[in-house]
Amino acid sequence: MFSVSLGILSFLVASSSFASLGQGLSSIQANAKEIHAKLHKSSSRNFQGAQSPRLSESNEVQTYSLTSEMNEVQQHLDPQGIVFAITWQGLNHPDLSRLLGSYFKDYSVADAEVKGSRGQSLKRIATSQLVVEKGGHMGAVHGIAYLVNSVPPGVEIDQLK
């Protein structure tokens, strides 16, 4: 019974793309079908760090991975189940308008203001709420986007990359 239920759940999750920053797990499940990606929970980790009233007793960060022929995108959820960071690697950069959701407009404005040199291996865009780092070269790219004020205490961004 458990394997049948797990199989049905896997089908529903796989047929349901990217969660946008600041949204919950349901947004991850609602988008996977659009990019023909497989969704799976890749890890849960407890981070040790400063105590904060905004955390529940658990400071568990859950990571869900979407894999397609082109990319692997990982969404990192805080203890309340909200996406605070998204990382990716693959052949090309994913659609940032989907990943960043309501933060995309601010990102676009900040990106237009950054002077980068052609062939630059890493580009960093930062606003008061959001940081996006993306780099690599043709056929092998990587990146991270995270909400500055939503990173749970004890979580180091470099641990997510």
N, C-alpha and C. Protein backbone atom coordinates (compact mmCIF):
# COMPACT_ATOMS: atom_id res chain seq x y z
N MET A 1 0.82 -1.19 0.00
CA MET A 1 0.00 0.00 0.00
C MET A 1 0.86 1.26 0.00
N PHE A 2 1.92 1.24 0.85
CA PHE A 2 2.80 2.41 0.94
C PHE A 2 3.48 2.68 -0.39
N SER A 3 3.96 1.62 -1.07
CA SER A 3 4.65 1.84 -2.35
C SER A 3 3.69 2.34 -3.42
N VAL A 4 2.45 1.87 -3.39
CA VAL A 4 1.45 2.36 -4.34
C VAL A 4 1.17 3.83 -4.07
N SER A 5 0.98 4.20 -2.80
CA SER A 5 0.72 5.60 -2.44
C SER A 5 1.91 6.47 -2.81
N LEU A 6 3.12 5.97 -2.55
CA LEU A 6 4.32 6.71 -2.90
C LEU A 6 4.42 6.88 -4.41
N GLY A 7 4.06 5.83 -5.15
CA GLY A 7 4.08 5.91 -6.60
C GLY A 7 3.09 6.94 -7.12
N ILE A 8 1.90 6.96 -6.55
CA ILE A 8 0.88 7.94 -6.94
C ILE A 8 1.35 9.34 -6.60
N LEU A 9 1.92 9.52 -5.40
CA LEU A 9 2.43 10.82 -5.00
C LEU A 9 3.55 11.27 -5.94
N SER A 10 4.46 10.35 -6.29
CA SER A 10 5.54 10.70 -7.21
C SER A 10 5.00 11.15 -8.55
N PHE A 11 3.97 10.45 -9.05
CA PHE A 11 3.36 10.83 -10.31
C PHE A 11 2.74 12.22 -10.21
N LEU A 12 1.99 12.47 -9.13
CA LEU A 12 1.35 13.78 -8.96
C LEU A 12 2.38 14.89 -8.85
N VAL A 13 3.44 14.65 -8.11
CA VAL A 13 4.48 15.66 -7.94
C VAL A 13 5.19 15.89 -9.27
N ALA A 14 5.54 14.81 -9.97
CA ALA A 14 6.26 14.95 -11.23
C ALA A 14 5.39 15.61 -12.29
N SER A 15 4.08 15.42 -12.20
CA SER A 15 3.23 16.02 -13.20
C SER A 15 2.74 17.40 -12.79
N SER A 16 3.14 17.84 -11.70
CA SER A 16 2.69 19.13 -11.27
C SER A 16 3.72 20.20 -11.57
N SER A 17 7.25 23.11 -11.75
CA SER A 17 8.52 23.54 -12.18
C SER A 17 9.07 24.29 -11.08
N PHE A 18 9.14 25.29 -11.18
CA PHE A 18 9.95 26.01 -10.23
C PHE A 18 9.05 26.70 -9.22
N ALA A 19 9.48 26.66 -7.99
CA ALA A 19 8.82 27.49 -6.99
C ALA A 19 9.45 28.86 -7.11
N SER A 20 8.68 29.85 -6.87
CA SER A 20 9.23 31.20 -6.84
C SER A 20 9.70 31.49 -5.44
N LEU A 21 10.71 32.34 -5.35
CA LEU A 21 11.19 32.76 -4.05
C LEU A 21 10.03 33.35 -3.25
N GLY A 22 9.99 33.01 -1.98
CA GLY A 22 8.96 33.53 -1.10
C GLY A 22 7.66 32.74 -1.13
N GLN A 23 7.59 31.68 -1.95
CA GLN A 23 6.40 30.85 -2.01
C GLN A 23 6.67 29.50 -1.37
N GLY A 24 5.64 28.69 -1.24
CA GLY A 24 5.76 27.41 -0.57
C GLY A 24 5.90 26.22 -1.49
N LEU A 25 5.90 25.05 -0.89
CA LEU A 25 6.06 23.79 -1.59
C LEU A 25 5.02 23.59 -2.69
N SER A 26 3.81 24.05 -2.46
CA SER A 26 2.76 23.85 -3.47
C SER A 26 3.12 24.52 -4.78
N SER A 27 3.90 25.61 -4.74
CA SER A 27 4.30 26.26 -5.99
C SER A 27 5.34 25.44 -6.73
N ILE A 28 6.15 24.65 -6.01
CA ILE A 28 7.11 23.76 -6.67
C ILE A 28 6.32 22.69 -7.41
N GLN A 29 5.37 22.09 -6.71
CA GLN A 29 4.59 21.01 -7.30
C GLN A 29 3.74 21.49 -8.47
N ALA A 30 3.29 22.73 -8.41
CA ALA A 30 2.40 23.24 -9.45
C ALA A 30 3.11 23.52 -10.76
N ASN A 31 4.44 23.57 -10.77
CA ASN A 31 5.16 23.99 -11.97
C ASN A 31 5.98 22.90 -12.67
N ALA A 32 6.30 21.76 -12.06
CA ALA A 32 7.22 20.76 -12.64
C ALA A 32 6.80 20.26 -14.03
N LYS A 33 5.53 20.16 -14.27
CA LYS A 33 5.04 19.65 -15.55
C LYS A 33 5.48 20.55 -16.71
N GLU A 34 5.46 21.86 -16.50
CA GLU A 34 5.77 22.81 -17.57
C GLU A 34 7.16 22.62 -18.15
N ILE A 35 8.12 22.19 -17.33
CA ILE A 35 9.48 22.01 -17.85
C ILE A 35 9.83 20.54 -18.00
N HIS A 36 8.86 19.67 -17.86
CA HIS A 36 9.07 18.23 -18.00
C HIS A 36 10.19 17.77 -17.07
N ALA A 37 10.10 18.16 -15.82
CA ALA A 37 11.12 17.84 -14.83
C ALA A 37 10.60 16.84 -13.82
N LYS A 38 11.53 16.09 -13.26
CA LYS A 38 11.22 15.16 -12.19
C LYS A 38 11.50 15.87 -10.87
N LEU A 39 10.57 15.80 -9.95
CA LEU A 39 10.70 16.45 -8.65
C LEU A 39 10.92 15.42 -7.57
N HIS A 40 11.92 15.65 -6.72
CA HIS A 40 12.12 14.78 -5.58
C HIS A 40 12.72 15.57 -4.43
N LYS A 41 12.41 15.11 -3.22
CA LYS A 41 13.00 15.73 -2.04
C LYS A 41 14.40 15.17 -1.92
N SER A 42 15.39 16.05 -2.01
CA SER A 42 16.76 15.57 -2.01
C SER A 42 17.40 15.56 -0.64
N SER A 43 16.94 16.43 0.27
CA SER A 43 17.53 16.39 1.61
C SER A 43 16.74 17.24 2.59
N SER A 44 16.99 16.95 3.85
CA SER A 44 16.55 17.78 4.96
C SER A 44 17.76 17.90 5.86
N ARG A 45 18.10 19.13 6.22
CA ARG A 45 19.27 19.33 7.08
C ARG A 45 18.92 20.30 8.19
N ASN A 46 19.46 20.01 9.35
CA ASN A 46 19.35 20.93 10.47
C ASN A 46 20.63 21.76 10.50
N PHE A 47 20.49 23.05 10.56
CA PHE A 47 21.63 23.94 10.65
C PHE A 47 21.73 24.44 12.07
N GLN A 48 22.92 24.45 12.60
CA GLN A 48 23.16 24.95 13.95
C GLN A 48 23.53 26.42 13.84
N GLY A 49 22.96 27.22 14.67
CA GLY A 49 23.28 28.64 14.62
C GLY A 49 22.54 29.40 15.69
N ALA A 50 22.57 30.68 15.55
CA ALA A 50 21.93 31.56 16.52
C ALA A 50 20.44 31.23 16.61
N GLN A 51 19.91 31.30 17.81
CA GLN A 51 18.49 31.07 18.00
C GLN A 51 17.73 32.33 17.60
N SER A 52 16.57 32.13 17.04
CA SER A 52 15.77 33.26 16.60
C SER A 52 14.31 32.99 16.91
N PRO A 53 13.57 34.00 17.33
CA PRO A 53 12.15 33.78 17.60
C PRO A 53 11.35 33.43 16.36
N ARG A 54 11.87 33.72 15.17
CA ARG A 54 11.10 33.41 13.97
C ARG A 54 11.21 31.93 13.59
N LEU A 55 12.10 31.19 14.24
CA LEU A 55 12.23 29.77 13.97
C LEU A 55 11.39 28.96 14.94
N SER A 56 10.86 27.86 14.46
CA SER A 56 10.19 26.94 15.36
C SER A 56 11.28 26.14 16.07
N GLU A 57 10.88 25.12 16.82
CA GLU A 57 11.88 24.32 17.52
C GLU A 57 12.86 23.69 16.54
N SER A 58 12.43 23.39 15.37
CA SER A 58 13.29 22.79 14.36
C SER A 58 13.81 23.87 13.43
N ASN A 59 15.09 23.78 13.10
CA ASN A 59 15.62 24.69 12.10
C ASN A 59 16.00 23.89 10.86
N GLU A 60 15.13 22.96 10.52
CA GLU A 60 15.35 22.09 9.38
C GLU A 60 15.08 22.82 8.08
N VAL A 61 16.04 22.72 7.17
CA VAL A 61 15.90 23.26 5.83
C VAL A 61 15.68 22.07 4.90
N GLN A 62 14.61 22.12 4.13
CA GLN A 62 14.31 21.05 3.18
C GLN A 62 14.72 21.50 1.79
N THR A 63 15.26 20.57 1.02
CA THR A 63 15.68 20.85 -0.34
C THR A 63 14.94 19.92 -1.30
N TYR A 64 14.32 20.52 -2.29
CA TYR A 64 13.64 19.77 -3.35
C TYR A 64 14.36 20.03 -4.66
N SER A 65 14.60 18.97 -5.42
CA SER A 65 15.31 19.08 -6.69
C SER A 65 14.38 18.80 -7.85
N LEU A 66 14.51 19.61 -8.87
CA LEU A 66 13.84 19.39 -10.14
C LEU A 66 14.92 19.09 -11.16
N THR A 67 14.81 17.96 -11.82
CA THR A 67 15.80 17.60 -12.82
C THR A 67 15.12 17.43 -14.16
N SER A 68 15.76 17.99 -15.17
CA SER A 68 15.29 17.85 -16.54
C SER A 68 16.51 17.51 -17.40
N GLU A 69 16.31 17.40 -18.68
CA GLU A 69 17.43 17.11 -19.58
C GLU A 69 18.43 18.26 -19.61
N MET A 70 17.99 19.46 -19.28
CA MET A 70 18.85 20.64 -19.38
C MET A 70 19.46 21.08 -18.06
N ASN A 71 18.72 20.93 -16.95
CA ASN A 71 19.14 21.54 -15.69
C ASN A 71 18.76 20.70 -14.49
N GLU A 72 19.41 21.03 -13.38
CA GLU A 72 18.94 20.62 -12.07
C GLU A 72 18.75 21.90 -11.27
N VAL A 73 17.55 22.07 -10.73
CA VAL A 73 17.24 23.24 -9.93
C VAL A 73 16.85 22.75 -8.55
N GLN A 74 17.45 23.36 -7.53
CA GLN A 74 17.12 22.98 -6.16
C GLN A 74 16.48 24.16 -5.45
N GLN A 75 15.35 23.89 -4.80
CA GLN A 75 14.65 24.90 -4.01
C GLN A 75 14.87 24.56 -2.54
N HIS A 76 15.29 25.55 -1.78
CA HIS A 76 15.58 25.37 -0.36
C HIS A 76 14.48 26.06 0.44
N LEU A 77 13.80 25.28 1.26
CA LEU A 77 12.67 25.78 2.04
C LEU A 77 13.06 25.96 3.50
N ASP A 78 12.64 27.06 4.09
CA ASP A 78 12.90 27.33 5.50
C ASP A 78 12.00 26.45 6.37
N PRO A 79 12.14 26.50 7.69
CA PRO A 79 11.31 25.66 8.56
C PRO A 79 9.81 25.89 8.42
N GLN A 80 9.40 27.05 7.90
CA GLN A 80 7.97 27.31 7.70
C GLN A 80 7.49 26.83 6.33
N GLY A 81 8.40 26.25 5.52
CA GLY A 81 8.02 25.72 4.21
C GLY A 81 8.02 26.75 3.10
N ILE A 82 8.74 27.85 3.27
CA ILE A 82 8.81 28.92 2.26
C ILE A 82 10.17 28.87 1.57
N VAL A 83 10.19 29.02 0.26
CA VAL A 83 11.43 28.99 -0.51
C VAL A 83 12.22 30.27 -0.22
N PHE A 84 13.43 30.10 0.35
CA PHE A 84 14.28 31.26 0.63
C PHE A 84 15.49 31.31 -0.31
N ALA A 85 15.80 30.19 -0.97
CA ALA A 85 16.93 30.16 -1.90
C ALA A 85 16.68 29.14 -2.99
N ILE A 86 17.24 29.41 -4.15
CA ILE A 86 17.15 28.50 -5.28
C ILE A 86 18.54 28.43 -5.91
N THR A 87 19.01 27.21 -6.15
CA THR A 87 20.30 27.01 -6.81
C THR A 87 20.07 26.21 -8.09
N TRP A 88 20.98 26.35 -9.04
CA TRP A 88 20.84 25.60 -10.28
C TRP A 88 22.20 25.33 -10.90
N GLN A 89 22.20 24.31 -11.75
CA GLN A 89 23.36 23.98 -12.58
C GLN A 89 22.85 23.22 -13.79
N GLY A 90 23.58 23.35 -14.89
CA GLY A 90 23.15 22.64 -16.08
C GLY A 90 23.69 23.24 -17.35
N LEU A 91 22.98 22.99 -18.43
CA LEU A 91 23.41 23.44 -19.75
C LEU A 91 23.12 24.91 -20.01
N ASN A 92 22.04 25.41 -19.40
CA ASN A 92 21.70 26.83 -19.56
C ASN A 92 20.99 27.32 -18.30
N HIS A 93 20.92 28.64 -18.16
CA HIS A 93 20.25 29.21 -17.00
C HIS A 93 18.74 29.03 -17.13
N PRO A 94 18.08 28.70 -16.04
CA PRO A 94 16.62 28.56 -16.09
C PRO A 94 15.94 29.93 -16.24
N ASP A 95 14.66 29.89 -16.46
CA ASP A 95 13.85 31.10 -16.61
C ASP A 95 13.77 31.82 -15.26
N LEU A 96 14.55 32.89 -15.11
CA LEU A 96 14.59 33.60 -13.84
C LEU A 96 13.28 34.31 -13.52
N SER A 97 12.48 34.62 -14.53
CA SER A 97 11.20 35.27 -14.22
C SER A 97 10.32 34.33 -13.40
N ARG A 98 10.41 33.04 -13.64
CA ARG A 98 9.65 32.06 -12.84
C ARG A 98 10.29 31.86 -11.47
N LEU A 99 11.60 31.72 -11.47
CA LEU A 99 12.29 31.46 -10.20
C LEU A 99 12.16 32.62 -9.22
N LEU A 100 12.26 33.83 -9.73
CA LEU A 100 12.26 35.00 -8.85
C LEU A 100 10.86 35.51 -8.55
N GLY A 101 9.89 35.12 -9.35
CA GLY A 101 8.51 35.51 -9.09
C GLY A 101 8.36 37.01 -8.96
N SER A 102 7.80 37.46 -7.87
CA SER A 102 7.53 38.89 -7.66
C SER A 102 8.81 39.72 -7.51
N TYR A 103 9.95 39.08 -7.33
CA TYR A 103 11.22 39.79 -7.19
C TYR A 103 11.90 40.02 -8.55
N PHE A 104 11.34 39.46 -9.63
CA PHE A 104 11.98 39.55 -10.94
C PHE A 104 12.10 40.98 -11.44
N LYS A 105 11.11 41.80 -11.22
CA LYS A 105 11.17 43.18 -11.71
C LYS A 105 12.34 43.93 -11.08
N ASP A 106 12.49 43.83 -9.76
CA ASP A 106 13.62 44.48 -9.08
C ASP A 106 14.95 43.94 -9.60
N TYR A 107 15.01 42.62 -9.81
CA TYR A 107 16.22 41.99 -10.36
C TYR A 107 16.54 42.57 -11.73
N SER A 108 15.53 42.68 -12.58
CA SER A 108 15.74 43.19 -13.95
C SER A 108 16.29 44.60 -13.94
N VAL A 109 15.74 45.45 -13.08
CA VAL A 109 16.22 46.83 -12.98
C VAL A 109 17.67 46.84 -12.51
N ALA A 110 17.98 46.08 -11.47
CA ALA A 110 19.36 46.03 -10.94
C ALA A 110 20.31 45.42 -11.97
N ASP A 111 19.87 44.42 -12.69
CA ASP A 111 20.71 43.77 -13.70
C ASP A 111 21.06 44.74 -14.82
N ALA A 112 20.10 45.58 -15.22
CA ALA A 112 20.35 46.55 -16.28
C ALA A 112 21.38 47.60 -15.86
N GLU A 113 21.49 47.84 -14.56
CA GLU A 113 22.42 48.85 -14.06
C GLU A 113 23.83 48.32 -13.87
N VAL A 114 24.00 47.00 -13.83
CA VAL A 114 25.32 46.40 -13.60
C VAL A 114 26.09 46.36 -14.91
N LYS A 115 27.27 46.91 -14.87
CA LYS A 115 28.15 46.87 -16.04
C LYS A 115 29.01 45.62 -15.92
N GLY A 116 28.83 44.71 -16.82
CA GLY A 116 29.64 43.49 -16.81
C GLY A 116 30.46 43.40 -18.07
N SER A 117 31.56 42.69 -17.97
CA SER A 117 32.39 42.51 -19.17
C SER A 117 32.00 41.22 -19.85
N ARG A 118 32.07 41.22 -21.14
CA ARG A 118 31.74 40.03 -21.93
C ARG A 118 32.68 38.90 -21.52
N GLY A 119 32.13 37.73 -21.34
CA GLY A 119 32.93 36.59 -20.96
C GLY A 119 33.18 36.49 -19.46
N GLN A 120 32.57 37.37 -18.69
CA GLN A 120 32.72 37.35 -17.24
C GLN A 120 32.19 36.02 -16.71
N SER A 121 32.94 35.38 -15.81
CA SER A 121 32.53 34.06 -15.36
C SER A 121 31.46 34.09 -14.27
N LEU A 122 31.37 35.17 -13.49
CA LEU A 122 30.36 35.25 -12.45
C LEU A 122 29.76 36.65 -12.43
N LYS A 123 28.45 36.69 -12.42
CA LYS A 123 27.74 37.97 -12.35
C LYS A 123 26.93 37.97 -11.07
N ARG A 124 27.06 39.04 -10.28
CA ARG A 124 26.34 39.15 -9.01
C ARG A 124 25.46 40.38 -9.05
N ILE A 125 24.17 40.17 -8.82
CA ILE A 125 23.19 41.25 -8.77
C ILE A 125 22.61 41.25 -7.37
N ALA A 126 22.63 42.40 -6.71
CA ALA A 126 22.10 42.46 -5.35
C ALA A 126 21.17 43.65 -5.21
N THR A 127 20.03 43.41 -4.60
CA THR A 127 19.09 44.47 -4.23
C THR A 127 18.96 44.41 -2.71
N SER A 128 18.14 45.24 -2.14
CA SER A 128 17.97 45.21 -0.69
C SER A 128 17.32 43.90 -0.21
N GLN A 129 16.60 43.21 -1.09
CA GLN A 129 15.90 41.99 -0.70
C GLN A 129 16.47 40.72 -1.30
N LEU A 130 17.20 40.83 -2.39
CA LEU A 130 17.53 39.68 -3.23
C LEU A 130 18.98 39.71 -3.67
N VAL A 131 19.60 38.53 -3.73
CA VAL A 131 20.92 38.38 -4.34
C VAL A 131 20.81 37.27 -5.38
N VAL A 132 21.33 37.55 -6.57
CA VAL A 132 21.40 36.55 -7.63
C VAL A 132 22.84 36.49 -8.11
N GLU A 133 23.41 35.30 -8.11
CA GLU A 133 24.75 35.07 -8.65
C GLU A 133 24.60 34.02 -9.74
N LYS A 134 25.14 34.30 -10.90
CA LYS A 134 25.09 33.31 -11.97
C LYS A 134 26.38 33.36 -12.76
N GLY A 135 26.80 32.19 -13.20
CA GLY A 135 28.07 32.14 -13.92
C GLY A 135 28.22 30.86 -14.69
N GLY A 136 29.46 30.63 -15.11
CA GLY A 136 29.77 29.45 -15.90
C GLY A 136 30.09 29.83 -17.32
N HIS A 137 30.01 28.86 -18.17
CA HIS A 137 30.26 29.07 -19.60
C HIS A 137 29.28 28.21 -20.40
N MET A 138 29.27 28.41 -21.70
CA MET A 138 28.29 27.72 -22.54
C MET A 138 28.30 26.22 -22.25
N GLY A 139 27.14 25.71 -21.90
CA GLY A 139 27.00 24.29 -21.65
C GLY A 139 27.27 23.85 -20.22
N ALA A 140 27.73 24.77 -19.38
CA ALA A 140 27.99 24.43 -17.97
C ALA A 140 27.81 25.69 -17.13
N VAL A 141 26.57 25.94 -16.73
CA VAL A 141 26.26 27.15 -15.97
C VAL A 141 25.79 26.77 -14.56
N HIS A 142 25.81 27.74 -13.69
CA HIS A 142 25.36 27.53 -12.32
C HIS A 142 24.89 28.86 -11.76
N GLY A 143 24.14 28.79 -10.67
CA GLY A 143 23.69 30.03 -10.07
C GLY A 143 22.97 29.80 -8.76
N ILE A 144 22.73 30.92 -8.09
CA ILE A 144 21.97 30.90 -6.85
C ILE A 144 21.19 32.21 -6.75
N ALA A 145 20.01 32.13 -6.22
CA ALA A 145 19.19 33.32 -5.92
C ALA A 145 18.66 33.11 -4.52
N TYR A 146 18.74 34.14 -3.69
CA TYR A 146 18.21 34.01 -2.34
C TYR A 146 17.70 35.34 -1.81
N LEU A 147 16.76 35.22 -0.88
CA LEU A 147 16.17 36.38 -0.23
C LEU A 147 17.02 36.70 1.00
N VAL A 148 17.62 37.86 1.00
CA VAL A 148 18.58 38.26 2.02
C VAL A 148 18.03 38.11 3.43
N ASN A 149 16.82 38.59 3.68
CA ASN A 149 16.26 38.59 5.02
C ASN A 149 15.51 37.32 5.38
N SER A 150 15.52 36.34 4.49
CA SER A 150 14.78 35.10 4.75
C SER A 150 15.68 33.90 5.00
N VAL A 151 16.98 34.09 4.92
CA VAL A 151 17.90 32.98 5.17
C VAL A 151 17.83 32.64 6.66
N PRO A 152 17.48 31.39 6.99
CA PRO A 152 17.35 31.03 8.40
C PRO A 152 18.68 31.17 9.15
N PRO A 153 18.62 31.53 10.42
CA PRO A 153 19.84 31.62 11.24
C PRO A 153 20.60 30.29 11.20
N GLY A 154 21.90 30.38 11.11
CA GLY A 154 22.74 29.19 11.07
C GLY A 154 23.01 28.68 9.68
N VAL A 155 22.26 29.14 8.70
CA VAL A 155 22.46 28.70 7.32
C VAL A 155 23.45 29.63 6.64
N GLU A 156 24.53 29.06 6.12
CA GLU A 156 25.50 29.82 5.34
C GLU A 156 25.18 29.57 3.87
N ILE A 157 25.05 30.63 3.11
CA ILE A 157 24.69 30.52 1.69
C ILE A 157 25.66 29.60 0.94
N ASP A 158 26.94 29.68 1.27
CA ASP A 158 27.92 28.83 0.58
C ASP A 158 27.64 27.35 0.78
N GLN A 159 26.93 26.97 1.85
CA GLN A 159 26.58 25.58 2.07
C GLN A 159 25.52 25.09 1.09
N LEU A 160 24.81 26.00 0.48
CA LEU A 160 23.75 25.63 -0.46
C LEU A 160 24.25 25.49 -1.88
N LYS A 161 25.37 26.11 -2.19
CA LYS A 161 25.88 26.10 -3.57
C LYS A 161 26.37 24.73 -3.98
